[in-house]
N, C-alpha and C. Protein backbone atom coordinates (compact mmCIF):
# COMPACT_ATOMS: atom_id res chain seq x y z
N MET A 1 11.02 9.37 56.89
CA MET A 1 9.70 9.42 56.29
C MET A 1 9.48 8.16 55.48
N ASN A 2 8.38 7.53 55.69
CA ASN A 2 8.05 6.29 55.01
C ASN A 2 7.42 6.59 53.67
N SER A 3 7.92 5.95 52.62
CA SER A 3 7.31 6.14 51.32
C SER A 3 6.14 5.18 51.17
N VAL A 4 5.11 5.63 50.48
CA VAL A 4 3.87 4.88 50.36
C VAL A 4 3.59 4.60 48.91
N MET A 5 3.09 3.42 48.64
CA MET A 5 2.62 3.08 47.30
C MET A 5 1.11 2.93 47.39
N GLY A 6 0.42 3.29 46.34
CA GLY A 6 -1.03 3.16 46.31
C GLY A 6 -1.47 1.72 46.15
N GLN A 7 -2.71 1.55 45.78
CA GLN A 7 -3.33 0.24 45.72
C GLN A 7 -2.78 -0.65 44.61
N ALA A 8 -2.15 -0.09 43.61
CA ALA A 8 -1.73 -0.87 42.44
C ALA A 8 -0.45 -1.66 42.71
N VAL A 9 -0.47 -2.50 43.72
CA VAL A 9 0.66 -3.36 44.04
C VAL A 9 0.50 -4.66 43.27
N THR A 10 1.56 -5.11 42.67
CA THR A 10 1.51 -6.39 41.97
C THR A 10 1.31 -7.49 42.99
N GLU A 11 0.20 -8.18 42.88
CA GLU A 11 -0.14 -9.23 43.84
C GLU A 11 0.44 -10.56 43.41
N GLY A 12 0.75 -10.73 42.14
CA GLY A 12 1.24 -12.01 41.64
C GLY A 12 0.12 -12.75 40.96
N PRO A 13 0.48 -13.60 40.03
CA PRO A 13 -0.56 -14.35 39.32
C PRO A 13 -1.32 -15.28 40.27
N ASP A 14 -2.62 -15.31 40.09
CA ASP A 14 -3.49 -16.19 40.87
C ASP A 14 -3.43 -15.94 42.37
N ARG A 15 -3.01 -14.76 42.77
CA ARG A 15 -3.02 -14.40 44.19
C ARG A 15 -4.15 -13.41 44.41
N PRO A 16 -4.93 -13.59 45.47
CA PRO A 16 -6.01 -12.63 45.72
C PRO A 16 -5.45 -11.28 46.15
N THR A 17 -6.09 -10.23 45.69
CA THR A 17 -5.69 -8.89 46.08
C THR A 17 -6.22 -8.58 47.48
N ALA A 18 -5.72 -7.53 48.07
CA ALA A 18 -6.22 -7.10 49.37
C ALA A 18 -7.72 -6.82 49.28
N HIS A 19 -8.15 -6.18 48.21
CA HIS A 19 -9.58 -5.89 48.06
C HIS A 19 -10.41 -7.16 47.91
N GLU A 20 -9.91 -8.14 47.18
CA GLU A 20 -10.65 -9.40 47.03
C GLU A 20 -10.79 -10.12 48.37
N ILE A 21 -9.72 -10.14 49.14
CA ILE A 21 -9.78 -10.77 50.47
C ILE A 21 -10.74 -10.00 51.36
N TYR A 22 -10.64 -8.68 51.33
CA TYR A 22 -11.52 -7.82 52.13
C TYR A 22 -12.98 -8.08 51.79
N GLU A 23 -13.31 -8.13 50.52
CA GLU A 23 -14.71 -8.34 50.11
C GLU A 23 -15.21 -9.71 50.55
N ARG A 24 -14.36 -10.72 50.48
CA ARG A 24 -14.75 -12.05 50.93
C ARG A 24 -14.99 -12.07 52.43
N LEU A 25 -14.07 -11.47 53.18
CA LEU A 25 -14.21 -11.42 54.64
C LEU A 25 -15.41 -10.58 55.06
N ARG A 26 -15.70 -9.56 54.31
CA ARG A 26 -16.84 -8.68 54.62
C ARG A 26 -18.16 -9.44 54.63
N GLY A 27 -18.19 -10.60 53.99
CA GLY A 27 -19.38 -11.43 53.99
C GLY A 27 -19.60 -12.19 55.28
N LEU A 28 -18.61 -12.21 56.17
CA LEU A 28 -18.75 -12.92 57.45
C LEU A 28 -19.71 -12.18 58.37
N PRO A 29 -20.42 -12.91 59.23
CA PRO A 29 -21.41 -12.28 60.13
C PRO A 29 -20.83 -11.17 60.99
N GLU A 30 -19.58 -11.33 61.44
CA GLU A 30 -18.99 -10.34 62.34
C GLU A 30 -18.72 -8.99 61.66
N PHE A 31 -18.84 -8.95 60.33
CA PHE A 31 -18.62 -7.69 59.61
C PHE A 31 -19.90 -7.14 59.01
N ALA A 32 -21.04 -7.49 59.61
CA ALA A 32 -22.34 -7.03 59.10
C ALA A 32 -22.43 -5.51 59.03
N GLN A 33 -21.87 -4.80 60.02
CA GLN A 33 -21.91 -3.33 60.01
C GLN A 33 -21.23 -2.77 58.77
N LEU A 34 -20.09 -3.35 58.41
CA LEU A 34 -19.34 -2.85 57.25
C LEU A 34 -20.15 -3.03 55.98
N ARG A 35 -20.88 -4.14 55.88
CA ARG A 35 -21.74 -4.38 54.71
C ARG A 35 -22.97 -3.48 54.74
N GLU A 36 -23.66 -3.50 55.87
CA GLU A 36 -24.94 -2.79 55.97
C GLU A 36 -24.80 -1.29 55.71
N TYR A 37 -23.71 -0.71 56.19
CA TYR A 37 -23.53 0.74 56.05
C TYR A 37 -22.49 1.08 54.98
N ASP A 38 -22.10 0.08 54.20
CA ASP A 38 -21.25 0.25 53.03
C ASP A 38 -19.95 1.01 53.31
N ALA A 39 -19.23 0.55 54.34
CA ALA A 39 -17.92 1.12 54.63
C ALA A 39 -16.98 0.82 53.46
N THR A 40 -16.13 1.78 53.14
CA THR A 40 -15.15 1.60 52.07
C THR A 40 -13.75 1.63 52.67
N VAL A 41 -12.83 1.01 51.94
CA VAL A 41 -11.46 0.93 52.44
C VAL A 41 -10.50 1.17 51.29
N ALA A 42 -9.39 1.82 51.62
CA ALA A 42 -8.28 1.97 50.69
C ALA A 42 -7.08 1.28 51.33
N PHE A 43 -6.36 0.52 50.52
CA PHE A 43 -5.16 -0.16 50.99
C PHE A 43 -3.95 0.59 50.44
N LEU A 44 -3.06 0.96 51.33
CA LEU A 44 -1.80 1.60 50.94
C LEU A 44 -0.67 0.74 51.48
N PHE A 45 0.35 0.57 50.66
CA PHE A 45 1.47 -0.29 51.01
C PHE A 45 2.69 0.56 51.36
N LEU A 46 3.26 0.29 52.52
CA LEU A 46 4.44 1.02 52.99
C LEU A 46 5.69 0.31 52.50
N ARG A 47 6.57 1.05 51.86
CA ARG A 47 7.82 0.46 51.36
C ARG A 47 8.83 0.21 52.47
N ASP A 48 8.83 1.08 53.46
CA ASP A 48 9.80 0.96 54.55
C ASP A 48 9.11 0.38 55.78
N PRO A 49 9.77 -0.55 56.48
CA PRO A 49 9.13 -1.14 57.66
C PRO A 49 8.91 -0.10 58.76
N VAL A 50 7.84 -0.31 59.50
CA VAL A 50 7.49 0.54 60.64
C VAL A 50 7.61 -0.31 61.89
N PHE A 51 8.20 0.25 62.93
CA PHE A 51 8.35 -0.46 64.19
C PHE A 51 7.67 0.32 65.30
N ASN A 52 7.06 -0.41 66.21
CA ASN A 52 6.44 0.19 67.38
C ASN A 52 6.90 -0.61 68.59
N ASN A 53 7.63 0.04 69.48
CA ASN A 53 8.18 -0.64 70.67
C ASN A 53 8.99 -1.87 70.30
N GLY A 54 9.77 -1.78 69.23
CA GLY A 54 10.66 -2.85 68.83
C GLY A 54 10.01 -3.95 68.01
N LYS A 55 8.70 -3.86 67.78
CA LYS A 55 8.01 -4.88 66.99
C LYS A 55 7.60 -4.29 65.65
N GLN A 56 7.79 -5.08 64.59
CA GLN A 56 7.42 -4.61 63.27
C GLN A 56 5.90 -4.57 63.15
N VAL A 57 5.40 -3.48 62.61
CA VAL A 57 3.97 -3.30 62.37
C VAL A 57 3.68 -3.78 60.96
N LEU A 58 2.85 -4.81 60.83
CA LEU A 58 2.54 -5.37 59.52
C LEU A 58 1.34 -4.70 58.89
N GLY A 59 0.46 -4.16 59.72
CA GLY A 59 -0.71 -3.47 59.22
C GLY A 59 -1.22 -2.49 60.25
N ARG A 60 -1.94 -1.50 59.78
CA ARG A 60 -2.54 -0.51 60.68
C ARG A 60 -3.79 0.02 60.02
N CYS A 61 -4.87 0.03 60.77
CA CYS A 61 -6.15 0.57 60.29
C CYS A 61 -6.29 1.99 60.81
N CYS A 62 -6.64 2.90 59.91
CA CYS A 62 -6.74 4.32 60.27
C CYS A 62 -8.04 4.92 59.73
N LEU A 63 -8.56 5.86 60.46
CA LEU A 63 -9.62 6.71 59.93
C LEU A 63 -8.93 7.83 59.15
N PRO A 64 -9.41 8.16 57.99
CA PRO A 64 -8.76 9.22 57.20
C PRO A 64 -9.16 10.60 57.75
N ARG A 65 -8.47 11.02 58.80
CA ARG A 65 -8.83 12.27 59.46
C ARG A 65 -7.60 13.13 59.70
N VAL A 66 -7.77 14.40 59.51
CA VAL A 66 -6.81 15.40 59.96
C VAL A 66 -7.63 16.56 60.52
N GLN A 67 -7.01 17.36 61.33
CA GLN A 67 -7.72 18.47 61.94
C GLN A 67 -7.17 19.79 61.42
N GLY A 68 -7.99 20.81 61.56
CA GLY A 68 -7.54 22.15 61.27
C GLY A 68 -7.57 22.53 59.81
N THR A 69 -6.66 23.43 59.47
CA THR A 69 -6.68 24.03 58.14
C THR A 69 -6.31 23.07 57.03
N LEU A 70 -5.67 21.95 57.35
CA LEU A 70 -5.29 20.99 56.31
C LEU A 70 -6.41 20.03 55.93
N PHE A 71 -7.54 20.10 56.62
CA PHE A 71 -8.61 19.13 56.36
C PHE A 71 -9.04 19.11 54.90
N SER A 72 -9.35 20.26 54.34
CA SER A 72 -9.85 20.29 52.95
C SER A 72 -8.77 19.85 51.97
N VAL A 73 -7.51 20.18 52.25
CA VAL A 73 -6.41 19.75 51.39
C VAL A 73 -6.26 18.23 51.47
N PHE A 74 -6.37 17.68 52.67
CA PHE A 74 -6.26 16.24 52.88
C PHE A 74 -7.36 15.49 52.11
N VAL A 75 -8.60 15.95 52.24
CA VAL A 75 -9.72 15.31 51.54
C VAL A 75 -9.49 15.39 50.03
N TRP A 76 -9.10 16.54 49.55
CA TRP A 76 -8.85 16.73 48.11
C TRP A 76 -7.75 15.77 47.63
N ALA A 77 -6.65 15.69 48.38
CA ALA A 77 -5.52 14.85 47.97
C ALA A 77 -5.91 13.36 47.97
N LEU A 78 -6.64 12.93 48.99
CA LEU A 78 -7.07 11.53 49.02
C LEU A 78 -8.00 11.21 47.86
N GLU A 79 -8.97 12.08 47.63
CA GLU A 79 -9.91 11.84 46.53
C GLU A 79 -9.20 11.86 45.18
N LYS A 80 -8.22 12.73 45.05
CA LYS A 80 -7.46 12.79 43.79
C LYS A 80 -6.61 11.53 43.61
N ALA A 81 -5.95 11.09 44.68
CA ALA A 81 -5.06 9.92 44.60
C ALA A 81 -5.83 8.61 44.47
N LEU A 82 -6.96 8.49 45.19
CA LEU A 82 -7.67 7.22 45.25
C LEU A 82 -8.91 7.17 44.37
N GLY A 83 -9.44 8.34 44.04
CA GLY A 83 -10.67 8.39 43.27
C GLY A 83 -11.92 8.36 44.14
N PHE A 84 -11.75 8.28 45.45
CA PHE A 84 -12.87 8.29 46.39
C PHE A 84 -12.33 8.62 47.78
N MET A 85 -13.24 8.95 48.69
CA MET A 85 -12.87 9.20 50.08
C MET A 85 -13.24 7.96 50.89
N PRO A 86 -12.25 7.17 51.31
CA PRO A 86 -12.56 5.92 52.00
C PRO A 86 -13.03 6.15 53.44
N THR A 87 -13.78 5.19 53.94
CA THR A 87 -14.15 5.19 55.35
C THR A 87 -12.92 4.89 56.20
N TYR A 88 -12.10 3.95 55.71
CA TYR A 88 -10.88 3.54 56.41
C TYR A 88 -9.72 3.46 55.43
N ILE A 89 -8.53 3.67 55.95
CA ILE A 89 -7.30 3.41 55.22
C ILE A 89 -6.56 2.31 55.99
N VAL A 90 -6.16 1.27 55.27
CA VAL A 90 -5.37 0.21 55.88
C VAL A 90 -3.97 0.29 55.28
N LEU A 91 -3.00 0.51 56.15
CA LEU A 91 -1.60 0.55 55.75
C LEU A 91 -1.02 -0.84 55.93
N LEU A 92 -0.37 -1.35 54.89
CA LEU A 92 0.20 -2.69 54.92
C LEU A 92 1.69 -2.64 54.60
N ASP A 93 2.46 -3.45 55.30
CA ASP A 93 3.88 -3.55 55.04
C ASP A 93 4.07 -4.28 53.70
N TYR A 94 4.67 -3.61 52.74
CA TYR A 94 4.82 -4.13 51.39
C TYR A 94 5.61 -5.44 51.34
N ASP A 95 6.76 -5.48 52.02
CA ASP A 95 7.60 -6.68 51.98
C ASP A 95 6.89 -7.88 52.61
N PHE A 96 6.20 -7.64 53.74
CA PHE A 96 5.46 -8.74 54.35
C PHE A 96 4.38 -9.23 53.40
N TRP A 97 3.62 -8.30 52.81
CA TRP A 97 2.51 -8.68 51.93
C TRP A 97 2.99 -9.52 50.76
N CYS A 98 4.11 -9.12 50.18
CA CYS A 98 4.63 -9.86 49.02
C CYS A 98 5.08 -11.27 49.39
N ALA A 99 5.62 -11.43 50.58
CA ALA A 99 6.14 -12.73 51.01
C ALA A 99 5.09 -13.60 51.70
N ALA A 100 3.98 -13.01 52.13
CA ALA A 100 2.98 -13.72 52.92
C ALA A 100 2.22 -14.75 52.11
N THR A 101 1.83 -15.81 52.79
CA THR A 101 0.94 -16.79 52.18
C THR A 101 -0.46 -16.17 52.10
N ASP A 102 -1.33 -16.79 51.32
CA ASP A 102 -2.70 -16.29 51.24
C ASP A 102 -3.36 -16.29 52.62
N MET A 103 -3.09 -17.31 53.44
CA MET A 103 -3.67 -17.38 54.78
C MET A 103 -3.13 -16.26 55.67
N GLU A 104 -1.83 -15.98 55.59
CA GLU A 104 -1.25 -14.89 56.39
C GLU A 104 -1.85 -13.55 55.98
N ARG A 105 -2.08 -13.36 54.69
CA ARG A 105 -2.72 -12.13 54.21
C ARG A 105 -4.14 -12.03 54.78
N GLU A 106 -4.86 -13.13 54.72
CA GLU A 106 -6.25 -13.12 55.22
C GLU A 106 -6.28 -12.82 56.71
N ILE A 107 -5.40 -13.44 57.47
CA ILE A 107 -5.35 -13.20 58.92
C ILE A 107 -5.05 -11.74 59.21
N LEU A 108 -4.10 -11.16 58.51
CA LEU A 108 -3.75 -9.76 58.72
C LEU A 108 -4.95 -8.86 58.39
N LEU A 109 -5.61 -9.10 57.26
CA LEU A 109 -6.75 -8.26 56.90
C LEU A 109 -7.92 -8.46 57.86
N TYR A 110 -8.15 -9.69 58.30
CA TYR A 110 -9.20 -9.94 59.29
C TYR A 110 -8.92 -9.10 60.54
N HIS A 111 -7.67 -9.14 61.00
CA HIS A 111 -7.29 -8.37 62.19
C HIS A 111 -7.58 -6.88 61.98
N GLU A 112 -7.15 -6.34 60.85
CA GLU A 112 -7.36 -4.91 60.60
C GLU A 112 -8.84 -4.59 60.46
N MET A 113 -9.61 -5.51 59.88
CA MET A 113 -11.05 -5.30 59.75
C MET A 113 -11.76 -5.31 61.11
N LYS A 114 -11.23 -6.07 62.07
CA LYS A 114 -11.84 -6.08 63.40
C LYS A 114 -11.68 -4.73 64.09
N HIS A 115 -10.77 -3.90 63.63
CA HIS A 115 -10.64 -2.54 64.16
C HIS A 115 -11.71 -1.61 63.58
N GLN A 116 -12.41 -2.03 62.53
CA GLN A 116 -13.38 -1.19 61.84
C GLN A 116 -14.78 -1.42 62.39
N GLY A 117 -15.46 -0.34 62.72
CA GLY A 117 -16.82 -0.48 63.20
C GLY A 117 -17.40 0.86 63.58
N ILE A 118 -18.68 0.85 63.83
CA ILE A 118 -19.36 2.06 64.25
C ILE A 118 -18.93 2.39 65.67
N ALA A 119 -18.61 3.65 65.91
CA ALA A 119 -18.19 4.10 67.24
C ALA A 119 -19.33 3.88 68.23
N VAL A 120 -18.97 3.72 69.48
CA VAL A 120 -19.97 3.55 70.54
C VAL A 120 -19.81 4.66 71.57
N ASP A 121 -20.93 4.99 72.22
CA ASP A 121 -20.88 6.00 73.28
C ASP A 121 -20.50 5.33 74.60
N LYS A 122 -20.50 6.11 75.68
CA LYS A 122 -20.04 5.56 76.96
C LYS A 122 -20.98 4.50 77.53
N GLU A 123 -22.21 4.42 77.01
CA GLU A 123 -23.13 3.35 77.41
C GLU A 123 -23.03 2.14 76.50
N GLY A 124 -22.15 2.20 75.49
CA GLY A 124 -21.99 1.09 74.57
C GLY A 124 -22.96 1.10 73.40
N GLU A 125 -23.71 2.19 73.24
CA GLU A 125 -24.66 2.31 72.13
C GLU A 125 -23.95 2.81 70.88
N LEU A 126 -24.38 2.29 69.72
CA LEU A 126 -23.80 2.73 68.45
C LEU A 126 -24.10 4.21 68.24
N ARG A 127 -23.12 4.91 67.67
CA ARG A 127 -23.27 6.35 67.43
C ARG A 127 -23.60 6.61 65.96
N PHE A 128 -24.60 7.45 65.75
CA PHE A 128 -25.00 7.86 64.41
C PHE A 128 -25.10 9.37 64.38
N ASN A 129 -24.86 9.94 63.20
CA ASN A 129 -24.96 11.38 63.02
C ASN A 129 -26.43 11.77 63.19
N PRO A 130 -26.74 12.67 64.15
CA PRO A 130 -28.13 13.03 64.40
C PRO A 130 -28.78 13.78 63.21
N GLU A 131 -27.96 14.38 62.36
CA GLU A 131 -28.51 15.15 61.23
C GLU A 131 -28.96 14.27 60.08
N ASP A 132 -28.15 13.24 59.75
CA ASP A 132 -28.50 12.44 58.57
C ASP A 132 -28.58 10.94 58.84
N GLY A 133 -28.32 10.52 60.08
CA GLY A 133 -28.46 9.11 60.44
C GLY A 133 -27.33 8.21 59.98
N THR A 134 -26.28 8.79 59.39
CA THR A 134 -25.16 7.96 58.94
C THR A 134 -24.31 7.56 60.15
N PRO A 135 -23.64 6.41 60.04
CA PRO A 135 -22.83 5.96 61.17
C PRO A 135 -21.63 6.88 61.41
N ILE A 136 -21.24 6.97 62.66
CA ILE A 136 -19.99 7.62 63.02
C ILE A 136 -18.99 6.48 63.20
N TRP A 137 -18.06 6.39 62.28
CA TRP A 137 -17.11 5.28 62.28
C TRP A 137 -16.01 5.51 63.30
N GLY A 138 -15.48 4.44 63.84
CA GLY A 138 -14.42 4.52 64.82
C GLY A 138 -13.41 3.39 64.64
N ILE A 139 -12.43 3.39 65.50
CA ILE A 139 -11.43 2.33 65.54
C ILE A 139 -11.72 1.51 66.80
N THR A 140 -11.98 0.24 66.62
CA THR A 140 -12.28 -0.67 67.72
C THR A 140 -10.96 -1.16 68.32
N PRO A 141 -10.80 -1.04 69.64
CA PRO A 141 -9.55 -1.51 70.26
C PRO A 141 -9.52 -3.03 70.34
N HIS A 142 -8.35 -3.58 70.66
CA HIS A 142 -8.20 -5.02 70.84
C HIS A 142 -9.04 -5.48 72.02
N ASP A 143 -9.50 -6.73 71.95
CA ASP A 143 -10.28 -7.31 73.05
C ASP A 143 -9.42 -7.51 74.28
N VAL A 144 -8.16 -7.88 74.07
CA VAL A 144 -7.28 -8.19 75.18
C VAL A 144 -5.97 -7.43 74.99
N GLU A 145 -5.54 -6.79 76.05
CA GLU A 145 -4.22 -6.18 76.05
C GLU A 145 -3.60 -6.46 77.41
N GLU A 146 -2.66 -7.35 77.41
CA GLU A 146 -2.06 -7.78 78.67
C GLU A 146 -0.65 -8.29 78.42
N PHE A 147 0.14 -8.37 79.47
CA PHE A 147 1.48 -8.90 79.37
C PHE A 147 1.46 -10.41 79.58
N GLU A 148 2.21 -11.12 78.77
CA GLU A 148 2.28 -12.59 78.87
C GLU A 148 2.74 -13.02 80.26
N GLU A 149 3.74 -12.34 80.80
CA GLU A 149 4.28 -12.72 82.11
C GLU A 149 3.25 -12.51 83.22
N LEU A 150 2.43 -11.48 83.12
CA LEU A 150 1.40 -11.24 84.12
C LEU A 150 0.39 -12.39 84.11
N VAL A 151 -0.02 -12.82 82.91
CA VAL A 151 -0.97 -13.93 82.80
C VAL A 151 -0.32 -15.22 83.29
N ALA A 152 0.98 -15.40 83.01
CA ALA A 152 1.67 -16.59 83.49
C ALA A 152 1.69 -16.62 85.02
N ARG A 153 1.83 -15.47 85.63
CA ARG A 153 1.90 -15.39 87.09
C ARG A 153 0.52 -15.46 87.75
N TYR A 154 -0.46 -14.73 87.20
CA TYR A 154 -1.75 -14.57 87.88
C TYR A 154 -2.93 -15.26 87.19
N GLY A 155 -2.69 -15.80 86.00
CA GLY A 155 -3.78 -16.46 85.28
C GLY A 155 -4.72 -15.44 84.65
N PRO A 156 -5.83 -15.96 84.10
CA PRO A 156 -6.80 -15.06 83.46
C PRO A 156 -7.63 -14.33 84.52
N HIS A 157 -7.12 -13.23 85.01
CA HIS A 157 -7.67 -12.53 86.17
C HIS A 157 -8.77 -11.52 85.84
N THR A 158 -9.13 -11.40 84.57
CA THR A 158 -10.21 -10.49 84.19
C THR A 158 -11.19 -11.23 83.28
N ALA A 159 -12.38 -10.68 83.14
CA ALA A 159 -13.41 -11.32 82.31
C ALA A 159 -12.96 -11.44 80.85
N ASP A 160 -12.28 -10.41 80.34
CA ASP A 160 -11.85 -10.49 78.93
C ASP A 160 -10.78 -11.56 78.74
N LEU A 161 -9.90 -11.74 79.72
CA LEU A 161 -8.90 -12.81 79.62
C LEU A 161 -9.55 -14.18 79.74
N GLU A 162 -10.58 -14.30 80.58
CA GLU A 162 -11.29 -15.57 80.70
C GLU A 162 -11.98 -15.92 79.37
N ARG A 163 -12.62 -14.94 78.74
CA ARG A 163 -13.25 -15.18 77.43
C ARG A 163 -12.21 -15.58 76.40
N PHE A 164 -11.06 -14.92 76.44
CA PHE A 164 -9.98 -15.23 75.50
C PHE A 164 -9.48 -16.66 75.72
N ARG A 165 -9.29 -17.02 76.98
CA ARG A 165 -8.87 -18.39 77.32
C ARG A 165 -9.89 -19.40 76.81
N ASP A 166 -11.18 -19.15 77.06
CA ASP A 166 -12.22 -20.07 76.62
C ASP A 166 -12.22 -20.23 75.10
N THR A 167 -11.99 -19.14 74.39
CA THR A 167 -11.92 -19.19 72.93
C THR A 167 -10.74 -20.03 72.48
N LEU A 168 -9.60 -19.87 73.13
CA LEU A 168 -8.42 -20.68 72.79
C LEU A 168 -8.67 -22.16 73.05
N VAL A 169 -9.32 -22.47 74.15
CA VAL A 169 -9.62 -23.87 74.48
C VAL A 169 -10.55 -24.46 73.43
N LYS A 170 -11.60 -23.72 73.06
CA LYS A 170 -12.53 -24.20 72.02
C LYS A 170 -11.79 -24.44 70.71
N HIS A 171 -10.92 -23.52 70.36
CA HIS A 171 -10.16 -23.66 69.11
C HIS A 171 -9.28 -24.90 69.14
N SER A 172 -8.63 -25.12 70.26
CA SER A 172 -7.71 -26.27 70.36
C SER A 172 -8.49 -27.59 70.28
N ARG A 173 -9.78 -27.55 70.60
CA ARG A 173 -10.63 -28.75 70.51
C ARG A 173 -11.28 -28.87 69.14
N GLY A 174 -10.91 -28.00 68.21
CA GLY A 174 -11.42 -28.09 66.85
C GLY A 174 -12.73 -27.36 66.63
N LYS A 175 -13.17 -26.57 67.59
CA LYS A 175 -14.43 -25.83 67.45
C LYS A 175 -14.12 -24.41 66.97
N THR A 176 -13.78 -24.30 65.70
CA THR A 176 -13.44 -22.99 65.14
C THR A 176 -14.67 -22.40 64.49
N ARG A 177 -14.63 -21.10 64.27
CA ARG A 177 -15.72 -20.41 63.56
C ARG A 177 -15.56 -20.67 62.08
N GLU A 178 -16.66 -20.72 61.40
CA GLU A 178 -16.66 -20.88 59.94
C GLU A 178 -16.52 -19.55 59.27
């Protein structure tokens, strides 16, 4: 069982907190949904490393959801521990966070924030609660999921891999996003 620490992690003098980085990144155009619909986030730090398929997980974005009879207990416990019910919970590896540079922290949070967004239906339309018009939040999957060896053998054989390749080429030419 992994032990968890709440948001009050010592960030170090003159180091931005996870919330400060999050708020700065939230100002970017690609996170307009998070601003417009006022998504909230809680950061929890894991003391013990988590591994998935042999790779260390540095961060994970989650919707705060449980099913069944524990739902009300879960909501109560989160609100009691955090003081609010977040839209998302981001779990961060404590040791990585403490050792990471400010840029590594920003990259990790940007990645986790890209998982945050309004859910879409099978036609790709944003989903909203029909009763009150509030967004139905979801977890956005990665743009590309492929094996390196497959790409080495067959090249960018899908539209998403072609877009990814084009983005890498633009970046290598110095055309990065602001």
